[in-house]
Amino acid sequence: CSSPRDAYNEQDISTLAEALGITDRELDPIGITMHYTAGSTIKSSIVELALEHKAYHYIIDRDGSITNLAPPDKVVIHDPATNNTHIGISFANLGYQEAIAGRGGSPPIEDWIVGPDPRNHKIKKWEPFTSAQISAAKNLVRELKSKFPKIKEVTTHSHTAPGRKPDPGPAFDPYL
């Protein structure tokens, strides 16, 4: 059996479907949980998700394009606190990984946002979200709320896992 890194084909996400954390369990969503991928590209993010048997329903790239990994009415493994109740949306974003700023479409470090890590309040630099990502996210959330009227909450992984997860981080706070 080849590894997810070997099996991935950019044209066909289904080559990794069995490795991703996508279930056949039905989801009647009441909310949306926002994340960042901590990967520099959609491809690298999907490969890492497959290695960890996790997934998101949607990943929004820096240019605003949206990759759909799973139907929004199926449970995916993205956040233990909300897997069974929320749609998972993630942004291609490095978070606070300053050492790799400027790679994979990320802006140079001098353009990053300074803010506290939600886990320990230490000040770090965070990759900003692009206006294209924010616009795409707003449209996607509106569309999902229209399709699933029970959706009443949009939250973040850092709020559902306080002290453990930093995503999507302080660079996202103004948009929440």
Foldseek 3Di string as FASTA:
>chain_A
DDALVVQDDPVDLVSLLVLAQWDQDFALALAAAEFAQLALFPSVSSSVRSVVNFDAQWEAELQLDIDGSDPQGTFTHDAVQDSRHHGYYYYHFNFQPLVQAPPSPFHHQVPFDWFAQQQPGDIGTTTARHPSNLVSVVVVVVVVCVVRVSHDYYYYNCVSVPNPDRPPHPNCVVSD
